[in-house]
C-alpha atoms as a PDB file:
ATOM      1  CA  UNK A   1    -115.532 -37.439 168.192  1.00  0.00           C
ATOM      2  CA  UNK A   2    -118.543 -36.469 168.426  1.00  0.00           C
ATOM      3  CA  UNK A   3    -121.361 -37.819 171.114  1.00  0.00           C
ATOM      4  CA  UNK A   4    -125.225 -37.518 170.395  1.00  0.00           C
ATOM      5  CA  UNK A   5    -127.969 -37.020 172.995  1.00  0.00           C
ATOM      6  CA  UNK A   6    -131.875 -36.590 172.287  1.00  0.00           C
ATOM      7  CA  UNK A   7    -134.800 -35.084 173.608  1.00  0.00           C
ATOM      8  CA  UNK A   8    -137.997 -36.452 172.681  1.00  0.00           C
ATOM      9  CA  UNK A   9    -140.922 -34.432 171.401  1.00  0.00           C
ATOM     10  CA  UNK A  10    -144.464 -34.535 170.574  1.00  0.00           C
ATOM     11  CA  UNK A  11    -145.660 -37.782 170.282  1.00  0.00           C
ATOM     12  CA  UNK A  12    -142.673 -39.700 168.698  1.00  0.00           C
ATOM     13  CA  UNK A  13    -139.847 -37.045 167.823  1.00  0.00           C
ATOM     14  CA  UNK A  14    -136.207 -37.032 168.324  1.00  0.00           C
ATOM     15  CA  UNK A  15    -134.650 -33.427 168.438  1.00  0.00           C
ATOM     16  CA  UNK A  16    -130.818 -34.674 168.319  1.00  0.00           C
ATOM     17  CA  UNK A  17    -128.126 -32.850 170.722  1.00  0.00           C
ATOM     18  CA  UNK A  18    -124.627 -33.107 168.780  1.00  0.00           C
ATOM     19  CA  UNK A  19    -121.860 -32.254 171.324  1.00  0.00           C
ATOM     20  CA  UNK A  20    -118.417 -33.694 172.376  1.00  0.00           C
ATOM     21  CA  UNK A  21    -117.759 -36.028 175.469  1.00  0.00           C
ATOM     22  CA  UNK A  22    -117.516 -33.635 178.691  1.00  0.00           C
ATOM     23  CA  UNK A  23    -117.749 -30.435 176.471  1.00  0.00           C
ATOM     24  CA  UNK A  24    -121.498 -28.113 177.220  1.00  0.00           C
ATOM     25  CA  UNK A  25    -121.123 -26.986 173.608  1.00  0.00           C
ATOM     26  CA  UNK A  26    -124.055 -28.359 171.538  1.00  0.00           C
ATOM     27  CA  UNK A  27    -125.638 -28.397 168.045  1.00  0.00           C
ATOM     28  CA  UNK A  28    -129.528 -28.961 167.914  1.00  0.00           C
ATOM     29  CA  UNK A  29    -130.780 -30.768 165.028  1.00  0.00           C
ATOM     30  CA  UNK A  30    -134.552 -29.914 163.794  1.00  0.00           C
ATOM     31  CA  UNK A  31    -135.943 -28.647 166.815  1.00  0.00           C
ATOM     32  CA  UNK A  32    -139.583 -28.656 166.604  1.00  0.00           C
ATOM     33  CA  UNK A  33    -140.389 -27.683 170.032  1.00  0.00           C
ATOM     34  CA  UNK A  34    -138.554 -25.308 171.965  1.00  0.00           C
ATOM     35  CA  UNK A  35    -139.627 -26.609 175.452  1.00  0.00           C
ATOM     36  CA  UNK A  36    -137.910 -29.880 175.869  1.00  0.00           C
ATOM     37  CA  UNK A  37    -134.716 -28.633 174.778  1.00  0.00           C
ATOM     38  CA  UNK A  38    -134.569 -25.438 176.879  1.00  0.00           C
ATOM     39  CA  UNK A  39    -135.360 -27.625 179.793  1.00  0.00           C
ATOM     40  CA  UNK A  40    -132.254 -29.971 178.771  1.00  0.00           C
ATOM     41  CA  UNK A  41    -130.169 -26.882 178.199  1.00  0.00           C
ATOM     42  CA  UNK A  42    -131.394 -26.088 181.611  1.00  0.00           C
ATOM     43  CA  UNK A  43    -130.476 -29.315 183.320  1.00  0.00           C
ATOM     44  CA  UNK A  44    -127.088 -30.343 181.312  1.00  0.00           C
ATOM     45  CA  UNK A  45    -125.647 -26.798 181.614  1.00  0.00           C
ATOM     46  CA  UNK A  46    -125.511 -27.435 177.584  1.00  0.00           C
ATOM     47  CA  UNK A  47    -124.784 -23.941 175.725  1.00  0.00           C
ATOM     48  CA  UNK A  48    -125.990 -24.141 171.846  1.00  0.00           C
ATOM     49  CA  UNK A  49    -123.620 -23.096 169.074  1.00  0.00           C
ATOM     50  CA  UNK A  50    -125.759 -23.767 165.856  1.00  0.00           C
ATOM     51  CA  UNK A  51    -128.921 -25.383 164.764  1.00  0.00           C
ATOM     52  CA  UNK A  52    -129.191 -27.753 161.819  1.00  0.00           C
ATOM     53  CA  UNK A  53    -132.557 -28.299 159.961  1.00  0.00           C
ATOM     54  CA  UNK A  54    -133.422 -30.639 157.091  1.00  0.00           C
ATOM     55  CA  UNK A  55    -136.715 -29.387 155.756  1.00  0.00           C
ATOM     56  CA  UNK A  56    -139.492 -27.162 156.258  1.00  0.00           C
ATOM     57  CA  UNK A  57    -142.245 -29.418 158.427  1.00  0.00           C
ATOM     58  CA  UNK A  58    -143.367 -27.629 161.439  1.00  0.00           C
ATOM     59  CA  UNK A  59    -142.465 -30.389 163.420  1.00  0.00           C
ATOM     60  CA  UNK A  60    -138.588 -30.198 162.762  1.00  0.00           C
ATOM     61  CA  UNK A  61    -138.748 -26.219 162.950  1.00  0.00           C
ATOM     62  CA  UNK A  62    -141.658 -25.276 165.322  1.00  0.00           C
ATOM     63  CA  UNK A  63    -139.298 -24.109 168.275  1.00  0.00           C
ATOM     64  CA  UNK A  64    -136.486 -22.492 166.465  1.00  0.00           C
ATOM     65  CA  UNK A  65    -137.566 -18.824 167.130  1.00  0.00           C
ATOM     66  CA  UNK A  66    -137.955 -19.526 170.760  1.00  0.00           C
ATOM     67  CA  UNK A  67    -134.556 -20.512 170.646  1.00  0.00           C
ATOM     68  CA  UNK A  68    -133.335 -17.855 169.072  1.00  0.00           C
ATOM     69  CA  UNK A  69    -134.612 -15.726 171.821  1.00  0.00           C
ATOM     70  CA  UNK A  70    -132.432 -16.860 174.234  1.00  0.00           C
ATOM     71  CA  UNK A  71    -129.465 -18.212 171.843  1.00  0.00           C
ATOM     72  CA  UNK A  72    -128.791 -16.600 168.978  1.00  0.00           C
ATOM     73  CA  UNK A  73    -127.043 -18.745 166.772  1.00  0.00           C
ATOM     74  CA  UNK A  74    -126.645 -19.576 163.033  1.00  0.00           C
ATOM     75  CA  UNK A  75    -129.172 -21.642 162.003  1.00  0.00           C
ATOM     76  CA  UNK A  76    -128.291 -23.741 158.828  1.00  0.00           C
ATOM     77  CA  UNK A  77    -131.144 -25.222 156.816  1.00  0.00           C
ATOM     78  CA  UNK A  78    -132.162 -26.015 153.055  1.00  0.00           C
ATOM     79  CA  UNK A  79    -131.538 -23.517 150.309  1.00  0.00           C
ATOM     80  CA  UNK A  80    -134.361 -24.843 148.500  1.00  0.00           C
ATOM     81  CA  UNK A  81    -137.007 -24.502 151.071  1.00  0.00           C
ATOM     82  CA  UNK A  82    -138.826 -21.026 152.376  1.00  0.00           C
ATOM     83  CA  UNK A  83    -137.791 -21.195 156.049  1.00  0.00           C
ATOM     84  CA  UNK A  84    -137.642 -17.861 157.677  1.00  0.00           C
ATOM     85  CA  UNK A  85    -135.396 -18.969 160.218  1.00  0.00           C
ATOM     86  CA  UNK A  86    -132.716 -20.306 158.370  1.00  0.00           C
ATOM     87  CA  UNK A  87    -129.499 -17.459 158.367  1.00  0.00           C
ATOM     88  CA  UNK A  88    -126.942 -19.881 156.257  1.00  0.00           C
ATOM     89  CA  UNK A  89    -128.852 -21.918 153.359  1.00  0.00           C
ATOM     90  CA  UNK A  90    -126.799 -25.173 152.439  1.00  0.00           C
ATOM     91  CA  UNK A  91    -126.987 -27.376 149.626  1.00  0.00           C
ATOM     92  CA  UNK A  92    -125.576 -30.661 147.940  1.00  0.00           C
ATOM     93  CA  UNK A  93    -121.918 -30.613 148.339  1.00  0.00           C
ATOM     94  CA  UNK A  94    -121.491 -27.691 150.500  1.00  0.00           C
ATOM     95  CA  UNK A  95    -120.390 -28.379 154.054  1.00  0.00           C
ATOM     96  CA  UNK A  96    -121.173 -27.047 157.974  1.00  0.00           C
ATOM     97  CA  UNK A  97    -118.353 -26.767 159.973  1.00  0.00           C
ATOM     98  CA  UNK A  98    -118.781 -26.329 163.828  1.00  0.00           C
ATOM     99  CA  UNK A  99    -115.641 -24.702 165.010  1.00  0.00           C
ATOM    100  CA  UNK A 100    -116.875 -25.534 168.688  1.00  0.00           C
ATOM    101  CA  UNK A 101    -117.138 -29.316 168.137  1.00  0.00           C
ATOM    102  CA  UNK A 102    -114.123 -29.686 166.033  1.00  0.00           C
ATOM    103  CA  UNK A 103    -116.357 -31.429 163.089  1.00  0.00           C
ATOM    104  CA  UNK A 104    -117.529 -30.497 159.745  1.00  0.00           C
ATOM    105  CA  UNK A 105    -120.713 -32.100 158.451  1.00  0.00           C
ATOM    106  CA  UNK A 106    -121.254 -32.701 154.419  1.00  0.00           C
ATOM    107  CA  UNK A 107    -124.446 -31.747 153.358  1.00  0.00           C
ATOM    108  CA  UNK A 108    -126.331 -33.877 150.881  1.00  0.00           C
ATOM    109  CA  UNK A 109    -129.595 -33.055 149.434  1.00  0.00           C
ATOM    110  CA  UNK A 110    -132.189 -35.876 149.847  1.00  0.00           C
ATOM    111  CA  UNK A 111    -135.421 -34.860 148.157  1.00  0.00           C
ATOM    112  CA  UNK A 112    -138.548 -37.141 148.175  1.00  0.00           C
ATOM    113  CA  UNK A 113    -140.395 -36.596 152.018  1.00  0.00           C
ATOM    114  CA  UNK A 114    -140.160 -32.516 150.906  1.00  0.00           C
ATOM    115  CA  UNK A 115    -138.756 -31.134 147.588  1.00  0.00           C
ATOM    116  CA  UNK A 116    -135.574 -29.414 149.352  1.00  0.00           C
ATOM    117  CA  UNK A 117    -135.004 -32.023 152.021  1.00  0.00           C
ATOM    118  CA  UNK A 118    -131.394 -32.293 153.235  1.00  0.00           C
ATOM    119  CA  UNK A 119    -128.879 -34.921 155.621  1.00  0.00           C
ATOM    120  CA  UNK A 120    -125.837 -33.709 157.518  1.00  0.00           C
ATOM    121  CA  UNK A 121    -123.377 -36.269 157.691  1.00  0.00           C
ATOM    122  CA  UNK A 122    -120.017 -36.014 159.782  1.00  0.00           C
ATOM    123  CA  UNK A 123    -117.968 -38.751 161.600  1.00  0.00           C
ATOM    124  CA  UNK A 124    -120.200 -41.542 160.233  1.00  0.00           C
ATOM    125  CA  UNK A 125    -123.435 -40.044 161.627  1.00  0.00           C
ATOM    126  CA  UNK A 126    -125.990 -39.342 159.303  1.00  0.00           C
ATOM    127  CA  UNK A 127    -128.600 -37.090 160.588  1.00  0.00           C
ATOM    128  CA  UNK A 128    -131.471 -37.350 157.985  1.00  0.00           C
ATOM    129  CA  UNK A 129    -134.837 -36.142 159.345  1.00  0.00           C
ATOM    130  CA  UNK A 130    -137.554 -37.766 157.514  1.00  0.00           C
ATOM    131  CA  UNK A 131    -135.676 -39.478 154.205  1.00  0.00           C
ATOM    132  CA  UNK A 132    -134.837 -42.593 155.908  1.00  0.00           C
ATOM    133  CA  UNK A 133    -136.354 -43.973 158.986  1.00  0.00           C
ATOM    134  CA  UNK A 134    -135.192 -47.135 160.719  1.00  0.00           C
ATOM    135  CA  UNK A 135    -136.738 -49.604 159.027  1.00  0.00           C
ATOM    136  CA  UNK A 136    -138.583 -47.390 156.486  1.00  0.00           C
ATOM    137  CA  UNK A 137    -138.788 -44.288 154.941  1.00  0.00           C
ATOM    138  CA  UNK A 138    -140.655 -40.607 154.763  1.00  0.00           C
ATOM    139  CA  UNK A 139    -143.852 -40.471 152.836  1.00  0.00           C
ATOM    140  CA  UNK A 140    -143.697 -38.772 149.254  1.00  0.00           C
ATOM    141  CA  UNK A 141    -145.547 -35.330 150.082  1.00  0.00           C
ATOM    142  CA  UNK A 142    -143.977 -33.058 147.762  1.00  0.00           C
ATOM    143  CA  UNK A 143    -141.145 -35.273 145.685  1.00  0.00           C
ATOM    144  CA  UNK A 144    -141.747 -38.023 143.313  1.00  0.00           C
ATOM    145  CA  UNK A 145    -140.869 -41.713 143.925  1.00  0.00           C
ATOM    146  CA  UNK A 146    -137.707 -41.191 141.444  1.00  0.00           C
ATOM    147  CA  UNK A 147    -135.955 -38.363 143.599  1.00  0.00           C
ATOM    148  CA  UNK A 148    -137.077 -40.672 147.005  1.00  0.00           C
ATOM    149  CA  UNK A 149    -135.306 -43.757 145.536  1.00  0.00           C
ATOM    150  CA  UNK A 150    -132.191 -41.602 144.539  1.00  0.00           C
ATOM    151  CA  UNK A 151    -131.868 -39.833 147.571  1.00  0.00           C
ATOM    152  CA  UNK A 152    -131.565 -43.319 149.326  1.00  0.00           C
ATOM    153  CA  UNK A 153    -129.258 -44.280 147.169  1.00  0.00           C
ATOM    154  CA  UNK A 154    -127.087 -41.976 148.092  1.00  0.00           C
ATOM    155  CA  UNK A 155    -127.683 -43.089 151.863  1.00  0.00           C
ATOM    156  CA  UNK A 156    -127.166 -46.302 150.983  1.00  0.00           C
ATOM    157  CA  UNK A 157    -123.426 -45.645 149.265  1.00  0.00           C
ATOM    158  CA  UNK A 158    -122.371 -44.158 152.669  1.00  0.00           C
ATOM    159  CA  UNK A 159    -119.994 -46.551 154.826  1.00  0.00           C
ATOM    160  CA  UNK A 160    -122.118 -49.334 156.586  1.00  0.00           C
ATOM    161  CA  UNK A 161    -120.958 -48.467 159.834  1.00  0.00           C
ATOM    162  CA  UNK A 162    -122.829 -45.024 159.420  1.00  0.00           C
ATOM    163  CA  UNK A 163    -124.981 -44.739 162.509  1.00  0.00           C
ATOM    164  CA  UNK A 164    -128.863 -43.184 161.179  1.00  0.00           C
ATOM    165  CA  UNK A 165    -130.318 -40.635 163.142  1.00  0.00           C
ATOM    166  CA  UNK A 166    -133.635 -40.158 161.921  1.00  0.00           C
ATOM    167  CA  UNK A 167    -136.241 -38.175 163.437  1.00  0.00           C
ATOM    168  CA  UNK A 168    -139.157 -40.177 164.949  1.00  0.00           C
ATOM    169  CA  UNK A 169    -139.612 -43.427 166.679  1.00  0.00           C
ATOM    170  CA  UNK A 170    -141.058 -46.004 163.773  1.00  0.00           C
ATOM    171  CA  UNK A 171    -138.718 -48.587 164.124  1.00  0.00           C
ATOM    172  CA  UNK A 172    -141.545 -51.091 165.229  1.00  0.00           C
ATOM    173  CA  UNK A 173    -144.507 -50.204 163.093  1.00  0.00           C
ATOM    174  CA  UNK A 174    -141.460 -49.772 159.994  1.00  0.00           C
ATOM    175  CA  UNK A 175    -140.696 -53.822 160.905  1.00  0.00           C
ATOM    176  CA  UNK A 176    -144.190 -54.957 160.570  1.00  0.00           C
ATOM    177  CA  UNK A 177    -144.629 -53.538 157.442  1.00  0.00           C
ATOM    178  CA  UNK A 178    -141.569 -54.998 156.311  1.00  0.00           C
ATOM    179  CA  UNK A 179    -142.093 -58.188 157.604  1.00  0.00           C
ATOM    180  CA  UNK A 180    -145.244 -58.421 155.087  1.00  0.00           C
ATOM    181  CA  UNK A 181    -142.756 -57.180 152.048  1.00  0.00           C
ATOM    182  CA  UNK A 182    -140.241 -60.460 153.408  1.00  0.00           C
ATOM    183  CA  UNK A 183    -141.812 -62.523 155.801  1.00  0.00           C
ATOM    184  CA  UNK A 184    -138.938 -65.780 155.857  1.00  0.00           C
ATOM    185  CA  UNK A 185    -136.106 -62.787 156.631  1.00  0.00           C
ATOM    186  CA  UNK A 186    -134.779 -64.284 159.732  1.00  0.00           C
ATOM    187  CA  UNK A 187    -132.873 -60.469 160.030  1.00  0.00           C
ATOM    188  CA  UNK A 188    -136.336 -58.977 160.054  1.00  0.00           C
ATOM    189  CA  UNK A 189    -137.296 -61.265 162.829  1.00  0.00           C
ATOM    190  CA  UNK A 190    -134.463 -61.077 165.138  1.00  0.00           C
ATOM    191  CA  UNK A 191    -135.015 -57.039 164.681  1.00  0.00           C
ATOM    192  CA  UNK A 192    -138.427 -57.218 165.063  1.00  0.00           C
ATOM    193  CA  UNK A 193    -137.203 -59.153 168.681  1.00  0.00           C
ATOM    194  CA  UNK A 194    -134.908 -56.940 169.619  1.00  0.00           C
ATOM    195  CA  UNK A 195    -137.191 -53.754 168.898  1.00  0.00           C
ATOM    196  CA  UNK A 196    -139.790 -55.162 170.769  1.00  0.00           C
ATOM    197  CA  UNK A 197    -137.642 -55.702 173.471  1.00  0.00           C
ATOM    198  CA  UNK A 198    -136.631 -52.630 173.567  1.00  0.00           C
ATOM    199  CA  UNK A 199    -139.934 -50.726 173.023  1.00  0.00           C
ATOM    200  CA  UNK A 200    -141.277 -52.668 176.179  1.00  0.00           C
ATOM    201  CA  UNK A 201    -138.460 -51.354 178.176  1.00  0.00           C
ATOM    202  CA  UNK A 202    -138.774 -47.648 176.911  1.00  0.00           C
ATOM    203  CA  UNK A 203    -135.901 -47.435 175.042  1.00  0.00           C
ATOM    204  CA  UNK A 204    -135.272 -45.581 171.895  1.00  0.00           C
ATOM    205  CA  UNK A 205    -134.324 -47.843 168.766  1.00  0.00           C
ATOM    206  CA  UNK A 206    -132.797 -44.897 166.793  1.00  0.00           C
ATOM    207  CA  UNK A 207    -129.888 -44.765 165.985  1.00  0.00           C
ATOM    208  CA  UNK A 208    -129.342 -47.611 163.867  1.00  0.00           C
ATOM    209  CA  UNK A 209    -126.088 -48.661 161.713  1.00  0.00           C
ATOM    210  CA  UNK A 210    -126.693 -48.430 157.769  1.00  0.00           C
ATOM    211  CA  UNK A 211    -125.832 -52.369 157.397  1.00  0.00           C
ATOM    212  CA  UNK A 212    -128.918 -53.439 159.710  1.00  0.00           C
ATOM    213  CA  UNK A 213    -131.136 -50.897 157.702  1.00  0.00           C
ATOM    214  CA  UNK A 214    -129.379 -52.477 154.138  1.00  0.00           C
ATOM    215  CA  UNK A 215    -130.219 -55.938 155.725  1.00  0.00           C
ATOM    216  CA  UNK A 216    -133.910 -55.155 157.014  1.00  0.00           C
ATOM    217  CA  UNK A 217    -135.346 -52.353 155.142  1.00  0.00           C
ATOM    218  CA  UNK A 218    -137.435 -52.820 152.536  1.00  0.00           C
ATOM    219  CA  UNK A 219    -136.760 -49.345 151.017  1.00  0.00           C
ATOM    220  CA  UNK A 220    -133.160 -50.168 150.502  1.00  0.00           C
ATOM    221  CA  UNK A 221    -133.556 -53.348 149.157  1.00  0.00           C
ATOM    222  CA  UNK A 222    -135.682 -52.605 145.902  1.00  0.00           C
ATOM    223  CA  UNK A 223    -132.900 -53.800 143.735  1.00  0.00           C
ATOM    224  CA  UNK A 224    -133.187 -57.212 145.536  1.00  0.00           C
ATOM    225  CA  UNK A 225    -134.959 -60.252 144.404  1.00  0.00           C
ATOM    226  CA  UNK A 226    -137.189 -60.824 146.729  1.00  0.00           C
ATOM    227  CA  UNK A 227    -138.563 -57.434 147.210  1.00  0.00           C
ATOM    228  CA  UNK A 228    -139.113 -57.264 143.578  1.00  0.00           C
ATOM    229  CA  UNK A 229    -140.823 -60.270 143.529  1.00  0.00           C
ATOM    230  CA  UNK A 230    -143.034 -59.036 146.479  1.00  0.00           C
ATOM    231  CA  UNK A 231    -143.754 -55.657 144.870  1.00  0.00           C
ATOM    232  CA  UNK A 232    -144.680 -57.639 141.502  1.00  0.00           C
ATOM    233  CA  UNK A 233    -147.257 -59.783 143.099  1.00  0.00           C
ATOM    234  CA  UNK A 234    -148.568 -56.563 144.525  1.00  0.00           C
ATOM    235  CA  UNK A 235    -148.969 -54.614 142.185  1.00  0.00           C
ATOM    236  CA  UNK A 236    -149.923 -57.449 139.526  1.00  0.00           C
ATOM    237  CA  UNK A 237    -147.666 -56.352 137.137  1.00  0.00           C
ATOM    238  CA  UNK A 238    -143.640 -56.842 135.975  1.00  0.00           C
ATOM    239  CA  UNK A 239    -141.284 -54.076 137.766  1.00  0.00           C
ATOM    240  CA  UNK A 240    -138.222 -52.763 135.389  1.00  0.00           C
ATOM    241  CA  UNK A 241    -136.003 -50.735 137.632  1.00  0.00           C
ATOM    242  CA  UNK A 242    -135.099 -50.385 141.596  1.00  0.00           C
ATOM    243  CA  UNK A 243    -137.384 -46.787 141.220  1.00  0.00           C
ATOM    244  CA  UNK A 244    -140.328 -49.022 139.868  1.00  0.00           C
ATOM    245  CA  UNK A 245    -140.212 -51.374 142.742  1.00  0.00           C
ATOM    246  CA  UNK A 246    -139.289 -48.353 145.473  1.00  0.00           C
ATOM    247  CA  UNK A 247    -142.585 -46.662 144.092  1.00  0.00           C
ATOM    248  CA  UNK A 248    -144.847 -49.838 144.532  1.00  0.00           C
ATOM    249  CA  UNK A 249    -143.404 -50.569 148.147  1.00  0.00           C
ATOM    250  CA  UNK A 250    -144.018 -47.064 149.125  1.00  0.00           C
ATOM    251  CA  UNK A 251    -147.353 -46.999 147.775  1.00  0.00           C
ATOM    252  CA  UNK A 252    -147.994 -50.552 149.322  1.00  0.00           C
ATOM    253  CA  UNK A 253    -147.150 -49.290 152.774  1.00  0.00           C
ATOM    254  CA  UNK A 254    -149.330 -46.202 152.232  1.00  0.00           C
ATOM    255  CA  UNK A 255    -152.194 -48.449 151.806  1.00  0.00           C
ATOM    256  CA  UNK A 256    -151.484 -50.290 154.969  1.00  0.00           C
ATOM    257  CA  UNK A 257    -150.989 -47.016 157.061  1.00  0.00           C
END
């Protein structure tokens, strides 16, 4: 089974390092900054074997060229985005086999945050960049609300015990908005208190199980009456579909950020 470690970057990014127990080989996910990765390699004796990229934003790709100077490994990334460092463009339905880790990642296209955004899934671990966040989802910088809604539906169809490895520590902020949408949710209140405790101790709140996202993340709950009603009250109009509800909830959060 794969293990996952992280190095923090910038203010709130996580760069994921995928490896096996007692094995130095690592796959690096979304290295926006080479410096903390190189420091981890030096201190832990890691041996990079590949880089996985989810999308083209600088805080996800900014460190790749520097890493390649020391470790000329394959770089896998979205076929539908222009990222110069990618040596192996991949898309929906393709797989990335990492022999050193004895694992295969399924590639899932999840447009919305960017037009070509992809995620990687292996052994009930999902590396989803800025598409699904813990208790939230990414902004719609390039894609449409319909695209993002369908992308989140793909993710929601994965096994409930999937661990969600998103790229930012946004849980607390996202939960505060989730409480606006569903103020009477006991599950949300419990998660909020657990998150406050973890952050006060300087602990990461990522990853989180998909089951927890389904019970507390409003962007995965747009088909449920409570969320639909809240979105209708905010928008002052009747909503006809989950995608319509998602569009309103995403806009609602944007107005509060």
